[in-house]
N, C-alpha and C. Protein backbone atom coordinates (compact mmCIF):
# COMPACT_ATOMS: atom_id res chain seq x y z
N GLU A 1 47.56 -43.45 -67.61
CA GLU A 1 46.28 -43.75 -67.22
C GLU A 1 45.76 -43.35 -65.73
N PHE A 2 44.56 -43.24 -65.57
CA PHE A 2 44.11 -42.99 -64.12
C PHE A 2 42.64 -43.70 -63.94
N ASP A 3 42.26 -44.14 -62.89
CA ASP A 3 40.76 -44.76 -62.61
C ASP A 3 40.10 -43.68 -62.13
N LEU A 4 38.86 -43.57 -62.21
CA LEU A 4 38.00 -42.56 -61.73
C LEU A 4 37.01 -43.40 -61.08
N TYR A 5 36.95 -42.86 -59.55
CA TYR A 5 36.00 -43.71 -58.95
C TYR A 5 34.79 -42.67 -57.94
N VAL A 6 33.86 -43.02 -58.36
CA VAL A 6 32.40 -42.42 -57.93
C VAL A 6 31.91 -42.98 -57.01
N LYS A 7 31.60 -42.59 -55.85
CA LYS A 7 30.86 -43.43 -54.48
C LYS A 7 29.37 -42.66 -54.61
N LYS A 8 28.56 -43.84 -54.86
CA LYS A 8 27.32 -43.34 -54.62
C LYS A 8 26.72 -43.33 -53.16
N THR A 9 26.11 -42.17 -52.75
CA THR A 9 25.62 -42.22 -51.41
C THR A 9 24.37 -42.69 -51.18
N THR A 10 24.06 -43.42 -49.89
CA THR A 10 22.53 -43.64 -49.74
C THR A 10 21.84 -42.47 -49.10
N PRO A 11 20.53 -42.79 -48.93
CA PRO A 11 19.76 -41.67 -48.25
C PRO A 11 20.20 -41.17 -47.05
N ALA A 12 20.78 -42.09 -46.12
CA ALA A 12 21.08 -41.84 -44.85
C ALA A 12 22.31 -40.86 -44.81
N GLU A 13 23.04 -41.03 -45.70
CA GLU A 13 24.36 -40.05 -45.98
C GLU A 13 24.21 -38.95 -46.70
N GLU A 14 22.89 -38.62 -47.20
CA GLU A 14 22.73 -37.72 -48.03
C GLU A 14 22.64 -36.04 -46.82
N PRO A 15 23.11 -35.26 -47.37
CA PRO A 15 22.93 -34.07 -46.34
C PRO A 15 21.50 -33.65 -46.49
N THR A 16 20.90 -33.06 -45.64
CA THR A 16 19.86 -32.70 -45.67
C THR A 16 19.80 -31.06 -45.25
N THR A 17 18.67 -30.08 -45.86
CA THR A 17 18.41 -28.78 -45.53
C THR A 17 17.04 -28.60 -44.91
N GLU A 18 16.38 -29.69 -44.84
CA GLU A 18 14.95 -29.38 -44.37
C GLU A 18 14.74 -29.42 -42.98
N GLU A 19 14.18 -28.39 -42.65
CA GLU A 19 13.89 -28.35 -40.72
C GLU A 19 12.96 -29.57 -40.39
N PRO A 20 13.20 -29.60 -39.14
CA PRO A 20 12.53 -30.44 -38.75
C PRO A 20 10.97 -30.36 -38.81
N THR A 21 10.19 -31.09 -38.95
CA THR A 21 8.70 -30.86 -38.90
C THR A 21 8.28 -30.22 -37.88
N GLU A 22 7.15 -29.10 -37.85
CA GLU A 22 6.64 -28.49 -36.61
C GLU A 22 5.34 -28.94 -36.59
N GLU A 23 4.81 -29.31 -35.25
CA GLU A 23 3.58 -29.79 -35.10
C GLU A 23 2.59 -28.51 -34.67
N THR A 24 1.29 -29.08 -34.97
CA THR A 24 0.61 -27.76 -34.14
C THR A 24 0.13 -27.99 -32.50
N VAL A 25 -0.43 -27.12 -31.89
CA VAL A 25 -0.77 -27.43 -30.76
C VAL A 25 -2.37 -26.85 -30.48
N ASN A 26 -3.24 -27.10 -29.64
CA ASN A 26 -4.40 -26.68 -29.15
C ASN A 26 -4.34 -25.90 -27.89
N ILE A 27 -5.16 -24.75 -27.88
CA ILE A 27 -4.97 -23.66 -26.81
C ILE A 27 -6.62 -23.58 -26.74
N ASN A 28 -6.97 -23.94 -25.61
CA ASN A 28 -8.55 -23.79 -25.09
C ASN A 28 -8.59 -22.74 -24.32
N TYR A 29 -9.78 -22.07 -24.30
CA TYR A 29 -10.39 -21.32 -23.43
C TYR A 29 -11.71 -21.42 -22.93
N VAL A 30 -11.70 -21.60 -21.64
CA VAL A 30 -12.79 -22.35 -20.91
C VAL A 30 -13.53 -21.14 -19.99
N PRO A 31 -14.97 -20.71 -19.96
CA PRO A 31 -15.31 -19.93 -18.80
C PRO A 31 -15.76 -20.53 -17.93
N VAL A 32 -15.59 -20.32 -16.38
CA VAL A 32 -16.11 -20.88 -15.49
C VAL A 32 -16.76 -20.08 -14.50
N GLY A 33 -17.53 -20.35 -13.94
CA GLY A 33 -18.48 -19.81 -12.75
C GLY A 33 -19.44 -20.27 -11.91
N PRO A 34 -20.25 -19.74 -11.34
CA PRO A 34 -21.30 -20.27 -10.21
C PRO A 34 -22.25 -21.22 -11.25
N ALA A 35 -22.20 -22.51 -10.29
CA ALA A 35 -22.81 -24.02 -10.76
C ALA A 35 -24.31 -23.46 -11.38
N GLY A 36 -24.65 -23.75 -12.43
CA GLY A 36 -26.22 -23.64 -12.84
C GLY A 36 -26.49 -22.19 -13.27
N ALA A 37 -25.54 -21.39 -13.44
CA ALA A 37 -25.72 -19.99 -13.74
C ALA A 37 -25.48 -19.92 -15.16
N SER A 38 -26.13 -18.69 -15.79
CA SER A 38 -25.53 -18.25 -17.02
C SER A 38 -24.70 -17.02 -17.01
N PHE A 39 -23.55 -17.16 -16.46
CA PHE A 39 -22.39 -16.14 -16.26
C PHE A 39 -21.93 -15.25 -17.10
N GLY A 40 -21.64 -16.05 -18.46
CA GLY A 40 -20.64 -15.38 -19.44
C GLY A 40 -19.98 -16.31 -20.57
N SER A 41 -19.21 -15.77 -21.47
CA SER A 41 -18.71 -16.73 -22.39
C SER A 41 -17.21 -16.03 -22.95
N VAL A 42 -16.62 -16.92 -23.62
CA VAL A 42 -15.36 -16.21 -24.22
C VAL A 42 -15.33 -16.30 -25.54
N ASP A 43 -14.43 -15.38 -26.11
CA ASP A 43 -14.41 -15.41 -27.64
C ASP A 43 -13.05 -15.38 -28.22
N SER A 44 -12.40 -16.46 -28.54
CA SER A 44 -12.89 -17.63 -29.02
C SER A 44 -12.54 -18.40 -28.05
N ALA A 45 -13.13 -19.94 -28.24
CA ALA A 45 -13.05 -21.10 -27.00
C ALA A 45 -11.96 -21.60 -27.13
N SER A 46 -11.42 -22.03 -28.65
CA SER A 46 -10.26 -22.88 -29.00
C SER A 46 -9.52 -22.10 -30.06
N GLU A 47 -8.20 -22.32 -30.28
CA GLU A 47 -7.29 -22.37 -31.59
C GLU A 47 -6.24 -23.29 -31.77
N THR A 48 -6.11 -23.24 -32.86
CA THR A 48 -4.65 -24.10 -32.99
C THR A 48 -3.81 -23.42 -33.55
N VAL A 49 -2.49 -23.45 -33.09
CA VAL A 49 -1.37 -22.91 -33.84
C VAL A 49 0.07 -23.54 -33.80
N MET A 50 0.74 -23.20 -34.66
CA MET A 50 2.27 -23.94 -34.83
C MET A 50 2.85 -23.72 -33.63
N GLU A 51 3.48 -24.93 -33.34
CA GLU A 51 4.22 -24.74 -32.00
C GLU A 51 5.45 -23.78 -31.88
N LYS A 52 6.17 -23.76 -32.78
CA LYS A 52 7.39 -22.90 -32.70
C LYS A 52 7.15 -21.39 -33.46
N SER A 53 6.62 -21.52 -34.62
CA SER A 53 6.25 -20.33 -35.65
C SER A 53 4.78 -19.63 -35.34
N GLY A 54 3.90 -20.33 -34.59
CA GLY A 54 2.62 -19.82 -34.45
C GLY A 54 2.52 -18.49 -33.72
N THR A 55 1.39 -17.90 -33.82
CA THR A 55 1.09 -16.77 -32.80
C THR A 55 -0.11 -17.00 -32.37
N ALA A 56 -0.46 -16.83 -31.05
CA ALA A 56 -1.84 -17.05 -30.63
C ALA A 56 -2.55 -15.71 -30.82
N LEU A 57 -3.83 -16.20 -31.07
CA LEU A 57 -4.61 -14.72 -31.00
C LEU A 57 -5.39 -14.51 -30.09
N GLY A 58 -5.58 -15.56 -28.95
CA GLY A 58 -5.99 -15.22 -27.76
C GLY A 58 -7.63 -15.26 -27.64
N SER A 59 -8.19 -14.68 -26.30
CA SER A 59 -9.89 -14.84 -26.07
C SER A 59 -9.87 -13.46 -25.44
N THR A 60 -11.35 -13.24 -25.53
CA THR A 60 -11.90 -12.25 -24.61
C THR A 60 -13.04 -12.61 -24.13
N PRO A 61 -13.24 -12.45 -22.55
CA PRO A 61 -14.13 -12.87 -21.97
C PRO A 61 -15.48 -11.71 -22.06
N THR A 62 -16.79 -12.36 -21.97
CA THR A 62 -17.66 -11.24 -21.98
C THR A 62 -18.86 -11.71 -20.57
N ALA A 63 -19.05 -10.94 -19.52
CA ALA A 63 -19.98 -11.12 -18.65
C ALA A 63 -21.46 -10.99 -19.05
N ASN A 64 -21.94 -11.93 -18.50
CA ASN A 64 -23.84 -11.77 -18.41
C ASN A 64 -23.96 -10.80 -17.56
N PRO A 65 -25.34 -10.03 -17.87
CA PRO A 65 -25.99 -9.31 -16.71
C PRO A 65 -25.95 -9.69 -15.20
N GLY A 66 -25.32 -9.20 -14.29
CA GLY A 66 -25.59 -9.74 -13.11
C GLY A 66 -24.25 -10.37 -12.64
N PHE A 67 -23.12 -10.26 -13.45
CA PHE A 67 -21.78 -11.02 -13.29
C PHE A 67 -20.79 -10.27 -13.97
N LYS A 68 -19.52 -10.40 -13.16
CA LYS A 68 -18.51 -9.70 -13.68
C LYS A 68 -17.56 -10.81 -13.62
N PHE A 69 -16.33 -10.49 -14.60
CA PHE A 69 -15.41 -11.20 -14.77
C PHE A 69 -14.30 -10.95 -13.94
N VAL A 70 -13.58 -11.83 -13.54
CA VAL A 70 -12.72 -12.09 -12.29
C VAL A 70 -11.16 -11.82 -12.72
N GLY A 71 -10.87 -12.80 -13.68
CA GLY A 71 -9.53 -12.97 -14.22
C GLY A 71 -9.27 -14.32 -15.32
N TRP A 72 -7.86 -14.63 -15.62
CA TRP A 72 -7.79 -15.76 -16.42
C TRP A 72 -6.89 -16.33 -15.44
N TYR A 73 -7.11 -17.90 -15.67
CA TYR A 73 -6.24 -18.92 -14.50
C TYR A 73 -5.55 -19.99 -15.52
N LYS A 74 -4.60 -20.56 -14.63
CA LYS A 74 -3.98 -21.83 -15.48
C LYS A 74 -4.89 -22.93 -15.23
N ASN A 75 -5.63 -23.31 -14.12
CA ASN A 75 -6.15 -24.20 -13.79
C ASN A 75 -7.65 -24.13 -13.32
N GLU A 76 -8.68 -25.33 -13.53
CA GLU A 76 -10.10 -24.95 -13.37
C GLU A 76 -10.36 -24.51 -12.10
N ALA A 77 -9.70 -24.73 -10.99
CA ALA A 77 -9.99 -24.14 -9.71
C ALA A 77 -9.98 -22.79 -9.40
N CYS A 78 -9.37 -22.34 -10.61
CA CYS A 78 -9.13 -20.75 -10.82
C CYS A 78 -8.03 -20.35 -9.28
N THR A 79 -6.84 -20.92 -9.02
CA THR A 79 -6.34 -20.55 -7.94
C THR A 79 -4.81 -20.30 -8.66
N GLU A 80 -4.52 -20.39 -9.73
CA GLU A 80 -3.26 -20.14 -10.50
C GLU A 80 -3.32 -19.18 -11.48
N ALA A 81 -3.12 -17.89 -11.38
CA ALA A 81 -3.35 -16.95 -12.58
C ALA A 81 -2.40 -16.98 -13.42
N VAL A 82 -2.60 -16.62 -14.62
CA VAL A 82 -1.73 -16.60 -16.04
C VAL A 82 -0.50 -15.27 -15.54
N ASN A 83 0.37 -15.41 -16.35
CA ASN A 83 1.00 -14.19 -16.42
C ASN A 83 0.34 -13.20 -16.64
N ALA A 84 0.47 -12.16 -15.90
CA ALA A 84 -0.09 -10.67 -15.98
C ALA A 84 0.32 -10.10 -17.33
N GLY A 85 1.65 -10.32 -17.79
CA GLY A 85 1.86 -9.58 -19.10
C GLY A 85 1.15 -10.09 -20.38
N TRP A 86 0.57 -11.45 -19.99
CA TRP A 86 -0.61 -11.73 -21.14
C TRP A 86 -1.79 -11.13 -21.37
N VAL A 87 -2.26 -10.62 -20.47
CA VAL A 87 -3.39 -9.96 -20.21
C VAL A 87 -3.31 -8.58 -20.66
N THR A 88 -4.11 -8.01 -21.65
CA THR A 88 -4.24 -6.50 -21.98
C THR A 88 -5.87 -6.26 -21.76
N GLY A 89 -6.36 -5.37 -20.76
CA GLY A 89 -7.77 -5.11 -20.67
C GLY A 89 -8.18 -6.53 -20.06
N ASN A 90 -9.17 -7.14 -20.75
CA ASN A 90 -9.56 -8.50 -20.39
C ASN A 90 -9.31 -9.71 -21.04
N MET A 91 -8.68 -9.46 -22.16
CA MET A 91 -8.18 -10.42 -23.44
C MET A 91 -7.01 -10.92 -22.76
N LEU A 92 -6.98 -12.25 -22.96
CA LEU A 92 -5.99 -13.36 -22.83
C LEU A 92 -5.23 -13.34 -24.13
N LYS A 93 -3.74 -13.31 -24.49
CA LYS A 93 -2.94 -13.60 -25.54
C LYS A 93 -1.85 -14.16 -25.02
N PRO A 94 -2.01 -15.79 -24.54
CA PRO A 94 -0.81 -16.27 -24.20
C PRO A 94 0.56 -16.26 -24.94
N ASP A 95 1.74 -16.78 -24.15
CA ASP A 95 2.84 -16.42 -24.74
C ASP A 95 3.47 -17.93 -24.94
N LYS A 96 4.61 -17.64 -25.57
CA LYS A 96 5.20 -19.39 -25.89
C LYS A 96 5.95 -19.71 -24.31
N THR A 97 5.64 -20.94 -23.87
CA THR A 97 6.14 -21.33 -22.79
C THR A 97 6.97 -22.64 -22.24
N LYS A 98 7.15 -23.23 -23.80
CA LYS A 98 7.88 -24.49 -23.71
C LYS A 98 9.04 -24.40 -24.33
N ASN A 99 10.11 -24.74 -24.16
CA ASN A 99 11.45 -24.77 -24.74
C ASN A 99 11.74 -25.84 -25.63
N TYR A 100 11.59 -25.67 -26.81
CA TYR A 100 12.12 -26.78 -27.89
C TYR A 100 13.48 -27.21 -28.20
N GLY A 101 13.98 -26.00 -27.94
CA GLY A 101 15.50 -26.25 -28.06
C GLY A 101 16.24 -26.63 -26.77
N THR A 102 17.53 -26.39 -26.79
CA THR A 102 18.53 -26.60 -25.54
C THR A 102 18.78 -25.34 -24.71
N ALA A 103 19.34 -26.21 -23.45
CA ALA A 103 19.62 -24.84 -22.63
C ALA A 103 20.63 -23.77 -23.26
N GLU A 104 21.59 -24.22 -24.06
CA GLU A 104 22.45 -23.40 -24.58
C GLU A 104 21.77 -22.64 -25.90
N SER A 105 21.01 -23.05 -26.43
CA SER A 105 20.38 -22.54 -27.55
C SER A 105 18.47 -22.93 -27.59
N PRO A 106 18.09 -22.07 -26.88
CA PRO A 106 16.47 -22.28 -26.71
C PRO A 106 15.56 -21.78 -27.86
N VAL A 107 14.60 -22.51 -27.95
CA VAL A 107 13.55 -22.18 -29.17
C VAL A 107 12.45 -22.27 -28.29
N MET A 108 11.73 -21.07 -28.20
CA MET A 108 10.62 -21.18 -27.47
C MET A 108 9.46 -21.63 -28.35
N GLY A 109 8.53 -22.11 -27.61
CA GLY A 109 7.37 -22.35 -28.47
C GLY A 109 5.80 -22.53 -27.65
N TYR A 110 4.84 -22.89 -28.28
CA TYR A 110 3.54 -22.93 -27.58
C TYR A 110 3.43 -24.45 -27.25
N GLU A 111 2.55 -24.79 -26.04
CA GLU A 111 2.33 -26.12 -25.64
C GLU A 111 0.74 -26.24 -25.67
N THR A 112 0.29 -27.29 -25.71
CA THR A 112 -1.09 -27.57 -25.56
C THR A 112 -1.51 -27.16 -24.13
N ALA A 113 -2.34 -26.20 -24.24
CA ALA A 113 -2.69 -25.79 -22.82
C ALA A 113 -4.49 -25.39 -22.84
N THR A 114 -4.91 -25.32 -21.57
CA THR A 114 -6.31 -24.51 -21.31
C THR A 114 -6.26 -23.68 -20.26
N TYR A 115 -6.94 -22.26 -20.74
CA TYR A 115 -6.76 -21.10 -19.66
C TYR A 115 -8.33 -21.12 -19.39
N TYR A 116 -8.47 -20.66 -18.13
CA TYR A 116 -9.78 -20.37 -17.64
C TYR A 116 -10.16 -18.95 -17.41
N ALA A 117 -11.37 -18.53 -17.84
CA ALA A 117 -12.00 -17.40 -17.52
C ALA A 117 -12.85 -17.55 -16.10
N LYS A 118 -12.69 -16.77 -15.17
CA LYS A 118 -13.26 -16.85 -14.00
C LYS A 118 -14.61 -15.83 -14.09
N PHE A 119 -15.71 -16.02 -13.71
CA PHE A 119 -16.85 -15.22 -13.73
C PHE A 119 -17.20 -15.52 -12.36
N GLU A 120 -17.72 -14.26 -11.73
CA GLU A 120 -18.38 -14.23 -10.30
C GLU A 120 -19.74 -13.33 -10.18
N TYR A 121 -20.59 -13.31 -9.29
CA TYR A 121 -21.68 -12.61 -9.09
C TYR A 121 -21.31 -11.40 -9.48
N ASP A 122 -21.71 -10.32 -9.76
CA ASP A 122 -21.52 -8.94 -9.69
C ASP A 122 -22.35 -8.53 -8.17
N LEU A 123 -21.63 -8.16 -7.10
CA LEU A 123 -22.49 -7.48 -6.00
C LEU A 123 -22.25 -6.14 -5.81
N ALA A 124 -23.49 -5.45 -5.15
CA ALA A 124 -23.81 -4.32 -4.82
C ALA A 124 -24.35 -4.20 -3.40
N ASP A 125 -24.18 -3.05 -2.84
CA ASP A 125 -24.93 -2.64 -1.73
C ASP A 125 -26.05 -2.05 -1.90
N LEU A 126 -26.98 -2.27 -0.77
CA LEU A 126 -28.41 -1.48 -0.81
C LEU A 126 -28.45 -0.81 0.52
N ILE A 127 -28.73 0.70 0.39
CA ILE A 127 -28.78 0.98 1.69
C ILE A 127 -30.72 1.76 1.65
N ILE A 128 -31.21 1.47 2.90
CA ILE A 128 -32.33 1.68 3.25
C ILE A 128 -32.28 2.79 4.20
N SER A 129 -33.07 3.92 3.84
CA SER A 129 -33.19 5.17 4.73
C SER A 129 -34.36 5.23 5.20
N LYS A 130 -34.85 5.88 6.32
CA LYS A 130 -36.03 6.32 7.08
C LYS A 130 -36.12 7.55 7.09
N THR A 131 -36.92 8.45 6.74
CA THR A 131 -36.91 9.89 7.03
C THR A 131 -38.38 10.51 7.38
N GLY A 132 -38.41 11.48 8.03
CA GLY A 132 -39.54 12.11 8.32
C GLY A 132 -40.26 11.94 9.75
N CYS A 133 -39.20 11.19 10.48
CA CYS A 133 -39.71 11.10 12.17
C CYS A 133 -39.57 12.27 13.06
N GLU A 134 -40.59 12.34 13.79
CA GLU A 134 -40.38 13.67 14.54
C GLU A 134 -39.72 13.39 15.75
N ASP A 135 -38.78 14.51 16.12
CA ASP A 135 -38.01 13.99 17.25
C ASP A 135 -38.26 13.30 18.71
N ILE A 136 -39.48 13.32 18.86
CA ILE A 136 -40.26 12.56 19.79
C ILE A 136 -39.97 11.09 19.52
N ASP A 137 -40.05 10.88 18.49
CA ASP A 137 -39.80 9.46 18.03
C ASP A 137 -38.54 8.84 17.36
N GLU A 138 -37.31 9.54 18.00
CA GLU A 138 -36.41 9.42 17.64
C GLU A 138 -35.65 7.94 17.76
N ASN A 139 -36.30 7.28 18.65
CA ASN A 139 -35.93 5.96 19.25
C ASN A 139 -37.04 5.09 18.65
N GLN A 140 -38.03 5.23 17.95
CA GLN A 140 -38.87 4.49 17.21
C GLN A 140 -38.07 3.66 16.11
N SER A 141 -38.54 2.28 16.10
CA SER A 141 -38.09 1.45 15.17
C SER A 141 -38.89 1.15 14.19
N PHE A 142 -38.43 0.99 12.78
CA PHE A 142 -39.06 0.82 11.71
C PHE A 142 -38.69 -0.80 10.97
N LEU A 143 -39.35 -1.58 10.62
CA LEU A 143 -38.95 -2.60 9.79
C LEU A 143 -39.26 -2.72 8.40
N PHE A 144 -38.25 -3.32 7.80
CA PHE A 144 -38.43 -3.37 6.32
C PHE A 144 -37.97 -4.70 5.92
N LYS A 145 -39.00 -5.31 4.89
CA LYS A 145 -38.47 -6.65 4.62
C LYS A 145 -37.89 -6.60 3.18
N VAL A 146 -36.53 -7.19 2.86
CA VAL A 146 -36.08 -7.21 1.69
C VAL A 146 -36.02 -8.49 0.75
N GLU A 147 -36.54 -8.59 -0.32
CA GLU A 147 -36.58 -9.95 -1.06
C GLU A 147 -36.20 -9.78 -2.32
N GLY A 148 -35.44 -10.69 -3.00
CA GLY A 148 -35.09 -10.63 -4.62
C GLY A 148 -33.88 -11.45 -4.70
N GLU A 149 -33.87 -12.13 -5.88
CA GLU A 149 -32.53 -12.72 -6.35
C GLU A 149 -32.04 -13.95 -5.47
N GLY A 150 -33.30 -14.55 -4.93
CA GLY A 150 -32.98 -15.86 -3.98
C GLY A 150 -32.83 -15.37 -2.61
N PHE A 151 -32.88 -14.17 -2.22
CA PHE A 151 -32.52 -13.52 -0.74
C PHE A 151 -33.70 -13.05 -0.20
N SER A 152 -33.56 -13.07 1.16
CA SER A 152 -34.94 -12.43 1.84
C SER A 152 -34.60 -12.06 3.32
N THR A 153 -34.60 -11.07 3.96
CA THR A 153 -34.26 -10.71 5.24
C THR A 153 -35.16 -9.61 5.69
N THR A 154 -35.19 -9.17 6.98
CA THR A 154 -36.11 -8.19 7.52
C THR A 154 -34.87 -7.40 8.38
N VAL A 155 -34.78 -6.09 8.12
CA VAL A 155 -34.20 -4.95 8.88
C VAL A 155 -34.83 -4.20 9.76
N ALA A 156 -34.13 -3.71 10.69
CA ALA A 156 -34.78 -2.61 11.64
C ALA A 156 -33.86 -1.29 11.47
N ILE A 157 -34.49 -0.24 11.23
CA ILE A 157 -34.01 1.04 11.19
C ILE A 157 -34.60 2.06 12.48
N LYS A 158 -33.60 2.60 13.31
CA LYS A 158 -33.95 3.30 14.35
C LYS A 158 -34.15 4.66 14.09
N GLY A 159 -35.46 5.39 14.18
CA GLY A 159 -35.46 6.77 13.84
C GLY A 159 -35.19 7.36 12.38
N ASN A 160 -34.69 8.41 12.32
CA ASN A 160 -34.14 8.65 10.64
C ASN A 160 -32.96 8.57 10.44
N THR A 161 -32.59 7.12 10.48
CA THR A 161 -31.33 6.75 9.95
C THR A 161 -31.40 5.68 8.78
N SER A 162 -30.27 4.82 8.62
CA SER A 162 -30.50 3.97 7.52
C SER A 162 -29.64 2.73 7.83
N VAL A 163 -29.55 1.65 7.31
CA VAL A 163 -29.10 0.40 7.30
C VAL A 163 -28.29 0.21 5.78
N LYS A 164 -27.53 -0.64 5.77
CA LYS A 164 -26.71 -0.86 4.64
C LYS A 164 -26.74 -2.50 4.62
N ILE A 165 -27.22 -3.09 3.58
CA ILE A 165 -27.01 -4.54 3.36
C ILE A 165 -25.88 -4.66 2.29
N THR A 166 -24.82 -5.30 2.47
CA THR A 166 -23.68 -5.66 1.54
C THR A 166 -23.60 -6.63 0.62
N GLU A 167 -23.18 -6.93 -0.48
CA GLU A 167 -22.71 -7.78 -1.02
C GLU A 167 -24.08 -8.62 -1.50
N LEU A 168 -24.86 -7.79 -1.79
CA LEU A 168 -26.08 -8.61 -2.53
C LEU A 168 -25.79 -8.66 -4.29
N LYS A 169 -26.39 -9.87 -4.67
CA LYS A 169 -26.36 -9.93 -6.19
C LYS A 169 -26.93 -8.91 -6.82
N VAL A 170 -26.28 -8.51 -8.14
CA VAL A 170 -26.91 -7.52 -8.86
C VAL A 170 -28.12 -8.03 -9.33
N GLY A 171 -29.26 -7.32 -9.15
CA GLY A 171 -30.73 -7.81 -9.83
C GLY A 171 -31.67 -6.88 -9.30
N THR A 172 -32.95 -7.18 -9.45
CA THR A 172 -34.22 -6.69 -8.54
C THR A 172 -34.55 -7.09 -7.27
N TYR A 173 -34.92 -5.97 -6.45
CA TYR A 173 -35.26 -6.33 -5.07
C TYR A 173 -36.62 -5.57 -4.71
N THR A 174 -37.39 -6.09 -3.80
CA THR A 174 -38.36 -5.51 -3.37
C THR A 174 -38.16 -5.03 -1.84
N VAL A 175 -38.38 -3.96 -1.55
CA VAL A 175 -38.24 -3.30 -0.07
C VAL A 175 -39.60 -3.11 -0.08
N THR A 176 -39.99 -3.62 1.36
CA THR A 176 -41.32 -3.30 1.72
C THR A 176 -41.52 -2.86 3.44
N GLU A 177 -42.06 -1.63 3.64
CA GLU A 177 -42.01 -1.45 5.27
C GLU A 177 -43.16 -2.12 5.87
N ILE A 178 -42.74 -2.87 7.21
CA ILE A 178 -43.89 -3.77 7.68
C ILE A 178 -44.55 -2.78 8.76
N THR A 179 -45.59 -2.65 8.63
CA THR A 179 -46.42 -1.52 9.38
C THR A 179 -47.56 -2.24 10.60
N ASP A 180 -47.42 -3.70 10.32
CA ASP A 180 -48.44 -4.43 11.09
C ASP A 180 -47.84 -4.81 12.60
N TRP A 181 -47.33 -3.87 13.24
CA TRP A 181 -46.69 -4.42 14.36
C TRP A 181 -46.54 -3.07 15.22
N SER A 182 -46.18 -3.15 16.34
CA SER A 182 -46.05 -1.78 17.63
C SER A 182 -44.70 -1.92 18.01
N TRP A 183 -43.91 -0.70 18.32
CA TRP A 183 -43.34 -0.76 19.07
C TRP A 183 -43.40 -0.32 20.55
N ARG A 184 -44.82 0.11 20.74
CA ARG A 184 -45.24 0.71 22.13
C ARG A 184 -46.10 -0.23 22.71
N TYR A 185 -45.82 -0.89 23.66
CA TYR A 185 -47.38 -1.73 24.84
C TYR A 185 -47.76 -0.98 25.95
N THR A 186 -48.70 -1.17 25.94
CA THR A 186 -49.29 -0.62 27.33
C THR A 186 -49.93 -1.61 27.89
N ASN A 187 -49.62 -1.23 29.50
CA ASN A 187 -49.95 -2.35 30.41
C ASN A 187 -51.40 -2.28 30.69
N LYS A 188 -52.04 -3.52 30.64
CA LYS A 188 -53.64 -3.38 31.04
C LYS A 188 -53.88 -4.05 32.29
N ASP A 189 -53.87 -2.97 33.40
CA ASP A 189 -54.08 -3.46 34.81
C ASP A 189 -55.79 -3.06 34.81
């Protein structure tokens, strides 16, 4: 004779084979640029990925006419650039940055984040040249008024030379020679 003993286990004692649950995280992509201007956009604006097993698709910036894309940043002030290895062309595809494991057994994953696409005005130089002056007039000055894109200035050109205005916003400008003045004066005695 012998006795058979069976112990019933409680749920807390039962072995588990399930992986711990995995959360989702949101990654946002935000365009930033000059206040009040329509400088550009990003495609896509956000995505939700699984923190450990997910893969971020990323975002691509598009600058509007008169603007240029500068780069991707981790902060809204655009002072801390993202990892250069995350950017191909202009497209940002962020990598996993958070360790969900231990130092001995790291498990890298995504964390909730916002990345900023910085846009600025596209700038160009304008060169104004004067030609056709006779040698006798080589020291004569010619005035030109330049206006456009919220900008206005007057420049002087001496003889058959040119002047360069740098870092103008890309756009339409009107250049007009001012002819209602004289560089020569006569003494009335």
